[in-house]
C-alpha atoms as a PDB file:
ATOM      1  CA  UNK A   1      22.764  14.304  -0.992  1.00  0.00           C
ATOM      2  CA  UNK A   2      24.814  15.508   2.033  1.00  0.00           C
ATOM      3  CA  UNK A   3      24.025  13.856   5.365  1.00  0.00           C
ATOM      4  CA  UNK A   4      22.476  16.990   6.876  1.00  0.00           C
ATOM      5  CA  UNK A   5      19.847  17.107   4.088  1.00  0.00           C
ATOM      6  CA  UNK A   6      18.699  13.476   4.277  1.00  0.00           C
ATOM      7  CA  UNK A   7      15.204  12.989   5.682  1.00  0.00           C
ATOM      8  CA  UNK A   8      15.303  11.654   9.210  1.00  0.00           C
ATOM      9  CA  UNK A   9      12.475   9.760  10.887  1.00  0.00           C
ATOM     10  CA  UNK A  10      11.508  12.543  13.313  1.00  0.00           C
ATOM     11  CA  UNK A  11      12.260  15.514  11.079  1.00  0.00           C
ATOM     12  CA  UNK A  12       9.317  17.144   9.314  1.00  0.00           C
ATOM     13  CA  UNK A  13      10.060  17.142   5.616  1.00  0.00           C
ATOM     14  CA  UNK A  14       6.786  16.491   3.773  1.00  0.00           C
ATOM     15  CA  UNK A  15       4.076  19.035   3.038  1.00  0.00           C
ATOM     16  CA  UNK A  16       0.514  17.935   3.773  1.00  0.00           C
ATOM     17  CA  UNK A  17      -0.172  17.205   0.093  1.00  0.00           C
ATOM     18  CA  UNK A  18       2.840  14.874  -0.103  1.00  0.00           C
ATOM     19  CA  UNK A  19       1.987  13.134   3.180  1.00  0.00           C
ATOM     20  CA  UNK A  20      -1.578  12.671   1.918  1.00  0.00           C
ATOM     21  CA  UNK A  21      -0.316  11.168  -1.333  1.00  0.00           C
ATOM     22  CA  UNK A  22       2.135   8.870   0.488  1.00  0.00           C
ATOM     23  CA  UNK A  23      -0.622   7.544   2.749  1.00  0.00           C
ATOM     24  CA  UNK A  24      -3.524   7.558   0.308  1.00  0.00           C
ATOM     25  CA  UNK A  25      -5.482   9.850   2.618  1.00  0.00           C
ATOM     26  CA  UNK A  26      -7.145  13.169   1.915  1.00  0.00           C
ATOM     27  CA  UNK A  27      -5.422  16.281   3.363  1.00  0.00           C
ATOM     28  CA  UNK A  28      -8.655  17.034   5.255  1.00  0.00           C
ATOM     29  CA  UNK A  29      -8.383  13.627   6.923  1.00  0.00           C
ATOM     30  CA  UNK A  30      -4.822  14.446   8.045  1.00  0.00           C
ATOM     31  CA  UNK A  31      -6.093  17.724   9.527  1.00  0.00           C
ATOM     32  CA  UNK A  32      -8.927  15.856  11.287  1.00  0.00           C
ATOM     33  CA  UNK A  33      -6.480  13.353  12.798  1.00  0.00           C
ATOM     34  CA  UNK A  34      -4.372  16.250  14.040  1.00  0.00           C
ATOM     35  CA  UNK A  35      -7.411  17.991  15.571  1.00  0.00           C
ATOM     36  CA  UNK A  36      -8.341  14.727  17.308  1.00  0.00           C
ATOM     37  CA  UNK A  37      -4.809  14.461  18.731  1.00  0.00           C
ATOM     38  CA  UNK A  38      -3.750  11.356  16.814  1.00  0.00           C
ATOM     39  CA  UNK A  39      -0.584  13.017  15.551  1.00  0.00           C
ATOM     40  CA  UNK A  40       1.209  16.330  15.782  1.00  0.00           C
ATOM     41  CA  UNK A  41       3.222  17.213  12.698  1.00  0.00           C
ATOM     42  CA  UNK A  42       6.033  19.729  12.984  1.00  0.00           C
ATOM     43  CA  UNK A  43       5.343  23.289  11.883  1.00  0.00           C
ATOM     44  CA  UNK A  44       7.485  25.755   9.996  1.00  0.00           C
ATOM     45  CA  UNK A  45       7.973  29.273  11.319  1.00  0.00           C
ATOM     46  CA  UNK A  46       5.012  30.298   9.165  1.00  0.00           C
ATOM     47  CA  UNK A  47       2.811  27.540  10.586  1.00  0.00           C
ATOM     48  CA  UNK A  48       2.887  25.143   7.628  1.00  0.00           C
ATOM     49  CA  UNK A  49       2.592  21.491   8.623  1.00  0.00           C
ATOM     50  CA  UNK A  50       5.617  19.310   7.914  1.00  0.00           C
ATOM     51  CA  UNK A  51       5.201  15.542   8.203  1.00  0.00           C
ATOM     52  CA  UNK A  52       8.115  13.264   9.027  1.00  0.00           C
ATOM     53  CA  UNK A  53       8.677   9.660   8.013  1.00  0.00           C
ATOM     54  CA  UNK A  54       7.497   8.734  11.535  1.00  0.00           C
ATOM     55  CA  UNK A  55       4.289  10.712  10.945  1.00  0.00           C
ATOM     56  CA  UNK A  56       3.707   8.889   7.651  1.00  0.00           C
ATOM     57  CA  UNK A  57       4.148   5.507   9.373  1.00  0.00           C
ATOM     58  CA  UNK A  58       1.759   6.612  12.137  1.00  0.00           C
ATOM     59  CA  UNK A  59      -0.792   7.704   9.531  1.00  0.00           C
ATOM     60  CA  UNK A  60      -0.522   4.305   7.864  1.00  0.00           C
ATOM     61  CA  UNK A  61      -1.158   2.641  11.242  1.00  0.00           C
ATOM     62  CA  UNK A  62      -4.168   4.902  11.818  1.00  0.00           C
ATOM     63  CA  UNK A  63      -5.479   4.088   8.345  1.00  0.00           C
ATOM     64  CA  UNK A  64      -5.141   0.348   9.010  1.00  0.00           C
ATOM     65  CA  UNK A  65      -7.009   0.692  12.302  1.00  0.00           C
ATOM     66  CA  UNK A  66      -9.800   2.677  10.645  1.00  0.00           C
ATOM     67  CA  UNK A  67     -10.030  -0.005   7.943  1.00  0.00           C
ATOM     68  CA  UNK A  68     -10.322  -2.549  10.752  1.00  0.00           C
ATOM     69  CA  UNK A  69     -13.352  -0.740  12.150  1.00  0.00           C
ATOM     70  CA  UNK A  70     -11.716   0.970  15.135  1.00  0.00           C
ATOM     71  CA  UNK A  71     -13.195   4.374  15.998  1.00  0.00           C
ATOM     72  CA  UNK A  72     -11.113   7.509  16.618  1.00  0.00           C
ATOM     73  CA  UNK A  73     -11.314   7.200  20.425  1.00  0.00           C
ATOM     74  CA  UNK A  74     -10.128   3.608  20.214  1.00  0.00           C
ATOM     75  CA  UNK A  75      -7.315   4.572  17.863  1.00  0.00           C
ATOM     76  CA  UNK A  76      -6.214   7.287  20.298  1.00  0.00           C
ATOM     77  CA  UNK A  77      -6.049   4.705  23.095  1.00  0.00           C
ATOM     78  CA  UNK A  78      -4.178   2.182  20.959  1.00  0.00           C
ATOM     79  CA  UNK A  79      -1.633   4.757  19.806  1.00  0.00           C
ATOM     80  CA  UNK A  80      -1.109   6.050  23.343  1.00  0.00           C
ATOM     81  CA  UNK A  81      -0.471   2.519  24.602  1.00  0.00           C
ATOM     82  CA  UNK A  82       1.865   1.776  21.691  1.00  0.00           C
ATOM     83  CA  UNK A  83       3.790   4.984  22.419  1.00  0.00           C
ATOM     84  CA  UNK A  84       4.043   4.082  26.104  1.00  0.00           C
ATOM     85  CA  UNK A  85       5.147   0.553  25.225  1.00  0.00           C
ATOM     86  CA  UNK A  86       7.885   1.986  22.996  1.00  0.00           C
ATOM     87  CA  UNK A  87       9.087   4.247  25.804  1.00  0.00           C
ATOM     88  CA  UNK A  88       9.119   1.351  28.265  1.00  0.00           C
ATOM     89  CA  UNK A  89      11.040  -0.845  25.818  1.00  0.00           C
ATOM     90  CA  UNK A  90      13.582   1.947  25.384  1.00  0.00           C
ATOM     91  CA  UNK A  91      13.891   2.346  29.166  1.00  0.00           C
ATOM     92  CA  UNK A  92      14.330  -1.402  29.573  1.00  0.00           C
ATOM     93  CA  UNK A  93      17.054  -1.493  26.929  1.00  0.00           C
ATOM     94  CA  UNK A  94      18.847   1.406  28.603  1.00  0.00           C
ATOM     95  CA  UNK A  95      18.586  -0.245  32.033  1.00  0.00           C
ATOM     96  CA  UNK A  96      19.904  -3.536  30.681  1.00  0.00           C
ATOM     97  CA  UNK A  97      22.873  -1.751  29.125  1.00  0.00           C
ATOM     98  CA  UNK A  98      23.521   0.151  32.347  1.00  0.00           C
ATOM     99  CA  UNK A  99      23.217  -3.072  34.355  1.00  0.00           C
ATOM    100  CA  UNK A 100      25.765  -4.809  32.104  1.00  0.00           C
ATOM    101  CA  UNK A 101      28.105  -1.813  32.313  1.00  0.00           C
ATOM    102  CA  UNK A 102      27.928  -1.769  36.105  1.00  0.00           C
ATOM    103  CA  UNK A 103      28.497  -5.514  36.324  1.00  0.00           C
ATOM    104  CA  UNK A 104      31.654  -5.151  34.261  1.00  0.00           C
ATOM    105  CA  UNK A 105      33.112  -2.294  36.289  1.00  0.00           C
ATOM    106  CA  UNK A 106      34.347  -4.751  38.859  1.00  0.00           C
ATOM    107  CA  UNK A 107      33.530  -6.196  42.252  1.00  0.00           C
ATOM    108  CA  UNK A 108      31.962  -3.989  44.851  1.00  0.00           C
ATOM    109  CA  UNK A 109      29.369  -2.410  42.550  1.00  0.00           C
ATOM    110  CA  UNK A 110      26.644  -4.996  43.067  1.00  0.00           C
ATOM    111  CA  UNK A 111      24.817  -2.592  45.366  1.00  0.00           C
ATOM    112  CA  UNK A 112      24.584  -0.090  42.483  1.00  0.00           C
ATOM    113  CA  UNK A 113      23.022  -2.696  40.207  1.00  0.00           C
ATOM    114  CA  UNK A 114      20.514  -3.671  42.914  1.00  0.00           C
ATOM    115  CA  UNK A 115      19.667  -0.029  43.675  1.00  0.00           C
ATOM    116  CA  UNK A 116      19.089   0.864  40.017  1.00  0.00           C
ATOM    117  CA  UNK A 117      16.913  -2.218  39.522  1.00  0.00           C
ATOM    118  CA  UNK A 118      14.634  -1.303  42.426  1.00  0.00           C
ATOM    119  CA  UNK A 119      14.307   2.279  41.184  1.00  0.00           C
ATOM    120  CA  UNK A 120      13.238   1.172  37.704  1.00  0.00           C
ATOM    121  CA  UNK A 121      10.428  -1.002  39.073  1.00  0.00           C
ATOM    122  CA  UNK A 122       8.922   1.868  41.057  1.00  0.00           C
ATOM    123  CA  UNK A 123       7.432   3.614  38.017  1.00  0.00           C
END
């Protein structure tokens, strides 16, 4: 299969029936989770839902939380915090890379490293 046709994590490729089969959930349950804001699958121009690999993983996480007795409101909070944590980890990784890059650009740039570090902590 050519590279441009391979499923990518964020690209919606699965119809609701396939996503339901992959997760062991009913299509109505997937629609309910969308209505409750737990996930937002991509849509085609005609409005058909398309679930990505990331959506399938998220649905599996939701299913595990439901099996653990967590209610929908709790799941929403958990997912929001996990999403925020992922963003913060990404920011931290980027800042560490930028810090290392600035340190290797030579003497005299220490003030840039210090300035960037203070800005990141002011979230």
